[in-house]
Amino acid sequence: MLVQPGKPESNLERAGNMIRDAVRNKCDVIVLPECMDLGWTYPGAGKVAEPIPGHYSDILCEAAKKFDIHVVAGLTERCDELLYNTAVMISSKGDILTSHRKVNELDFAKNLYTTGNQLATVDTSFGRVGIPVCADLLPEGNPLGHSFGLMEARLLLSPSAWAVRPEHDHAVTPYGEEWQKSYTELAAKHEMTVIGVSNVGRMEGGEWDGWKCIGCSLAVGPDGAVLAQGSYGEEKEELIVFDLP
């Protein structure tokens, strides 16, 4: 989905529409991007971020309950004077089942977000689930992915924000090889499905100001095969629906 930096109400309304459309497509769970309330590394986050539970998570909980669907989403979490890059999993009854604070944050983003220090899984009707955030599943973060595997997670649902430089040419340098390689290794080793969902749109502020978030969301099955892959482009907003065996 499109994430507009610093426009939480618009982003949450868009998320609600995505959730509604997922239910129309008979989905059991929907995964939304990293920091989908404010945008990843939005510099004004300290002024407008909400706690969890809080106003933004409450909107998602109400939508999950209204439409009877599980929701995984990335939010910017305020905790006292600290900010965390957090993922939440919400049940179809509107309850927050678990949350995860991103551990493998990029160096420049650590000026904004505090590093998480715990891993957790949650048992659901469709198996044990972990919700790592974006770079938690990059090769250097893969000890985290393997830890989820050792915790017997069968499904990793990862809110992400995959970005490239403004001049990046996808035809010359196709995006996504690093994620497919990492996801395939984790999926095959632990016989679990790994799904990462990125937003689209432009980033604002910070070291990557003006970079393009370009979708390319990816699902890899427990045999290492690609189950679904999103389109590339900063305007390629789309709901990707697929069946997981």
Protein backbone atom coordinates (compact mmCIF):
# COMPACT_ATOMS: atom_id res chain seq x y z
CA MET A 1 0.00 0.00 0.00
CA LEU A 2 0.96 3.63 -0.44
CA VAL A 3 2.40 5.13 2.75
CA GLN A 4 2.52 8.93 2.87
CA PRO A 5 5.12 10.23 5.35
CA GLY A 6 3.58 11.98 8.34
CA LYS A 7 -0.06 11.40 7.28
CA PRO A 8 -1.34 8.75 9.70
CA GLU A 9 -5.05 9.29 9.17
CA SER A 10 -4.75 8.89 5.39
CA ASN A 11 -2.50 5.86 5.79
CA LEU A 12 -4.84 4.20 8.27
CA GLU A 13 -7.84 4.88 6.04
CA ARG A 14 -5.95 3.27 3.17
CA ALA A 15 -5.10 0.31 5.40
CA GLY A 16 -8.77 -0.06 6.27
CA ASN A 17 -9.63 -0.23 2.58
CA MET A 18 -6.94 -2.88 2.07
CA ILE A 19 -8.36 -4.91 4.96
CA ARG A 20 -11.89 -4.66 3.53
CA ASP A 21 -10.70 -5.75 0.10
CA ALA A 22 -8.74 -8.66 1.58
CA VAL A 23 -11.91 -9.93 3.24
CA ARG A 24 -13.78 -9.61 -0.05
CA ASN A 25 -11.09 -11.91 -1.44
CA LYS A 26 -11.74 -14.39 1.42
CA CYS A 27 -8.36 -13.82 3.12
CA ASP A 28 -7.67 -15.10 6.64
CA VAL A 29 -4.77 -12.74 7.33
CA ILE A 30 -3.44 -9.52 5.81
CA VAL A 31 0.10 -8.13 6.18
CA LEU A 32 0.65 -4.37 5.96
CA PRO A 33 4.00 -2.55 5.62
CA GLU A 34 6.61 -1.32 8.10
CA CYS A 35 5.76 1.93 9.95
CA MET A 36 2.61 2.17 7.86
CA ASP A 37 1.20 4.87 10.14
CA LEU A 38 3.91 7.51 9.65
CA GLY A 39 6.43 6.10 7.19
CA TRP A 40 9.79 4.56 8.01
CA THR A 41 12.28 7.13 9.42
CA TYR A 42 9.78 9.99 9.18
CA PRO A 43 11.67 12.72 11.09
CA GLY A 44 8.60 14.12 12.84
CA ALA A 45 7.64 10.76 14.34
CA GLY A 46 8.60 11.81 17.86
CA LYS A 47 5.79 14.37 17.87
CA VAL A 48 2.96 12.26 16.50
CA ALA A 49 3.73 8.59 17.29
CA GLU A 50 1.26 6.75 19.53
CA PRO A 51 1.77 4.05 22.17
CA ILE A 52 0.67 0.46 21.58
CA PRO A 53 -2.14 -0.02 22.49
CA GLY A 54 -3.06 3.47 21.34
CA HIS A 55 -5.08 5.41 18.81
CA TYR A 56 -3.45 4.02 15.67
CA SER A 57 -3.41 0.40 16.80
CA ASP A 58 -7.00 0.77 18.02
CA ILE A 59 -8.11 1.70 14.49
CA LEU A 60 -6.51 -1.48 13.13
CA CYS A 61 -8.00 -3.58 15.95
CA GLU A 62 -11.46 -2.24 15.18
CA ALA A 63 -11.02 -3.06 11.49
CA ALA A 64 -9.79 -6.58 12.26
CA LYS A 65 -12.83 -7.20 14.45
CA LYS A 66 -15.29 -5.60 12.03
CA PHE A 67 -14.07 -7.63 9.08
CA ASP A 68 -13.17 -10.81 11.03
CA ILE A 69 -9.57 -11.06 9.78
CA HIS A 70 -6.10 -11.30 11.34
CA VAL A 71 -3.98 -8.20 10.71
CA VAL A 72 -0.20 -7.81 10.87
CA ALA A 73 1.09 -4.25 10.58
CA GLY A 74 4.15 -2.14 11.24
CA LEU A 75 3.62 0.88 13.51
CA THR A 76 5.78 3.59 15.07
CA GLU A 77 5.50 2.93 18.81
CA ARG A 78 5.97 5.59 21.46
CA CYS A 79 7.00 4.20 24.86
CA ASP A 80 7.65 6.99 27.36
CA GLU A 81 10.39 9.06 25.67
CA LEU A 82 11.49 6.29 23.29
CA LEU A 83 10.37 5.31 19.80
CA TYR A 84 10.34 1.75 18.48
CA ASN A 85 9.84 0.35 15.00
CA THR A 86 7.21 -2.23 15.95
CA ALA A 87 5.09 -4.89 14.33
CA VAL A 88 1.80 -6.08 15.82
CA MET A 89 -0.38 -9.08 15.13
CA ILE A 90 -4.08 -8.56 15.74
CA SER A 91 -6.62 -11.37 15.96
CA SER A 92 -9.88 -11.51 14.04
CA LYS A 93 -11.54 -10.58 17.36
CA GLY A 94 -9.60 -7.31 17.51
CA ASP A 95 -7.08 -8.32 20.18
CA ILE A 96 -3.33 -7.69 19.92
CA LEU A 97 -1.84 -11.18 20.05
CA THR A 98 1.83 -10.22 20.03
CA SER A 99 4.21 -7.43 19.10
CA HIS A 100 7.84 -7.27 17.99
CA ARG A 101 10.26 -4.33 18.19
CA LYS A 102 12.72 -4.32 15.29
CA VAL A 103 16.20 -5.48 16.27
CA ASN A 104 18.34 -5.15 13.13
CA GLU A 105 17.73 -1.46 12.46
CA LEU A 106 19.96 0.36 9.96
CA ASP A 107 22.59 2.55 11.60
CA PHE A 108 21.14 5.93 10.58
CA ALA A 109 17.66 4.87 11.71
CA LYS A 110 18.99 4.22 15.21
CA ASN A 111 18.99 7.99 15.66
CA LEU A 112 15.21 7.71 15.70
CA TYR A 113 14.33 4.21 16.89
CA THR A 114 15.45 2.29 19.97
CA THR A 115 16.62 -1.27 19.30
CA GLY A 116 14.29 -4.07 20.32
CA ASN A 117 15.64 -6.77 22.64
CA GLN A 118 13.14 -9.66 22.53
CA LEU A 119 11.73 -12.26 20.14
CA ALA A 120 8.31 -13.84 20.43
CA THR A 121 6.01 -16.15 18.52
CA VAL A 122 2.27 -16.66 18.85
CA ASP A 123 0.13 -19.73 18.19
CA THR A 124 -2.78 -19.14 15.83
CA SER A 125 -5.39 -21.24 14.04
CA PHE A 126 -2.99 -21.39 11.07
CA GLY A 127 0.15 -22.26 13.01
CA ARG A 128 2.90 -20.62 15.04
CA VAL A 129 3.73 -17.15 13.74
CA GLY A 130 6.63 -14.70 14.10
CA ILE A 131 6.48 -11.06 12.97
CA PRO A 132 10.06 -9.80 12.37
CA VAL A 133 10.42 -6.38 10.77
CA CYS A 134 12.18 -5.84 7.42
CA ALA A 135 15.98 -5.97 7.92
CA ASP A 136 15.54 -8.45 10.78
CA LEU A 137 15.53 -10.94 7.89
CA LEU A 138 18.46 -9.57 5.88
CA PRO A 139 21.50 -11.90 5.77
CA GLU A 140 23.22 -10.07 8.64
CA GLY A 141 19.97 -10.28 10.60
CA ASN A 142 19.33 -13.90 9.76
CA PRO A 143 20.31 -15.16 13.21
CA LEU A 144 16.96 -13.63 14.15
CA GLY A 145 15.19 -15.50 11.36
CA HIS A 146 16.85 -18.74 12.37
CA SER A 147 15.87 -18.09 15.98
CA PHE A 148 12.23 -17.86 14.93
CA GLY A 149 12.74 -21.14 13.09
CA LEU A 150 14.22 -22.78 16.18
CA MET A 151 11.18 -21.50 18.10
CA GLU A 152 9.17 -23.64 15.63
CA ALA A 153 7.51 -20.77 13.82
CA ARG A 154 5.80 -22.04 10.69
CA LEU A 155 5.03 -18.63 9.28
CA LEU A 156 7.06 -15.39 9.34
CA LEU A 157 5.03 -12.29 8.43
CA SER A 158 7.36 -9.33 8.01
CA PRO A 159 6.21 -5.71 7.58
CA SER A 160 8.87 -4.02 5.44
CA ALA A 161 9.85 -0.81 3.64
CA TRP A 162 12.04 -1.68 0.65
CA ALA A 163 13.59 1.42 -0.87
CA VAL A 164 15.96 2.33 -3.70
CA ARG A 165 17.73 5.50 -4.80
CA PRO A 166 15.62 7.87 -6.94
CA GLU A 167 17.69 7.05 -10.04
CA HIS A 168 17.50 3.27 -9.62
CA ASP A 169 16.78 1.47 -12.92
CA HIS A 170 14.93 -1.77 -12.26
CA ALA A 171 15.46 -2.96 -15.84
CA VAL A 172 19.24 -2.74 -15.40
CA THR A 173 19.41 -3.89 -11.77
CA PRO A 174 16.30 -5.85 -10.81
CA TYR A 175 15.38 -5.37 -7.18
CA GLY A 176 14.86 -8.16 -4.68
CA GLU A 177 17.65 -10.72 -5.03
CA GLU A 178 18.87 -10.19 -1.45
CA TRP A 179 15.41 -10.84 -0.02
CA GLN A 180 14.72 -13.89 -2.15
CA LYS A 181 18.08 -15.41 -1.21
CA SER A 182 17.57 -14.75 2.50
CA TYR A 183 13.92 -15.87 2.56
CA THR A 184 14.69 -19.04 0.61
CA GLU A 185 17.46 -20.04 3.01
CA LEU A 186 15.26 -19.55 6.05
CA ALA A 187 12.19 -21.17 4.53
CA ALA A 188 13.99 -24.28 3.32
CA LYS A 189 16.04 -24.82 6.47
CA HIS A 190 13.11 -24.53 8.87
CA GLU A 191 10.27 -25.67 6.59
CA MET A 192 8.36 -22.45 7.14
CA THR A 193 6.78 -19.83 4.92
CA VAL A 194 8.40 -16.38 4.89
CA ILE A 195 6.42 -13.34 3.71
CA GLY A 196 7.66 -9.75 3.47
CA VAL A 197 5.34 -6.88 2.55
CA SER A 198 6.70 -3.50 1.47
CA ASN A 199 4.95 -0.19 0.92
CA VAL A 200 5.22 2.08 -2.10
CA GLY A 201 5.76 5.85 -2.30
CA ARG A 202 8.51 8.36 -1.53
CA MET A 203 10.43 8.61 1.71
CA GLU A 204 10.70 11.97 3.46
CA GLY A 205 13.51 13.20 5.70
CA GLY A 206 16.50 11.39 7.08
CA GLU A 207 19.46 9.96 5.20
CA TRP A 208 17.22 8.37 2.54
CA ASP A 209 15.13 11.48 1.84
CA GLY A 210 13.57 11.16 -1.61
CA TRP A 211 14.29 7.43 -1.99
CA LYS A 212 11.55 5.35 -3.59
CA CYS A 213 9.73 2.57 -1.75
CA ILE A 214 8.94 0.18 -4.54
CA GLY A 215 6.83 -2.74 -3.35
CA CYS A 216 8.15 -6.07 -4.67
CA SER A 217 6.53 -7.86 -1.71
CA LEU A 218 7.58 -11.49 -1.56
CA ALA A 219 6.30 -14.84 -0.26
CA VAL A 220 8.50 -17.94 -0.19
CA GLY A 221 7.09 -21.36 0.76
CA PRO A 222 8.62 -24.04 2.99
CA ASP A 223 10.23 -25.75 -0.01
CA GLY A 224 12.00 -22.52 -0.98
CA ALA A 225 9.73 -21.82 -3.95
CA VAL A 226 8.36 -18.31 -4.58
CA LEU A 227 4.60 -18.31 -3.91
CA ALA A 228 3.89 -14.68 -4.79
CA GLN A 229 5.77 -11.52 -5.73
CA GLY A 230 4.62 -7.93 -6.02
CA SER A 231 5.17 -5.43 -8.79
CA TYR A 232 8.05 -2.93 -8.77
CA GLY A 233 7.40 0.80 -8.62
CA GLU A 234 6.67 3.71 -6.31
CA GLU A 235 3.10 3.90 -7.66
CA LYS A 236 2.42 0.14 -7.79
CA GLU A 237 -0.09 -0.03 -4.95
CA GLU A 238 -1.76 -3.45 -5.05
CA LEU A 239 -3.39 -6.09 -2.92
CA ILE A 240 -1.64 -9.40 -3.52
CA VAL A 241 -3.83 -12.40 -2.74
CA PHE A 242 -2.68 -16.01 -2.75
CA ASP A 243 -3.42 -19.36 -1.13
CA LEU A 244 -0.90 -20.84 1.28
CA PRO A 245 -0.97 -24.66 1.21
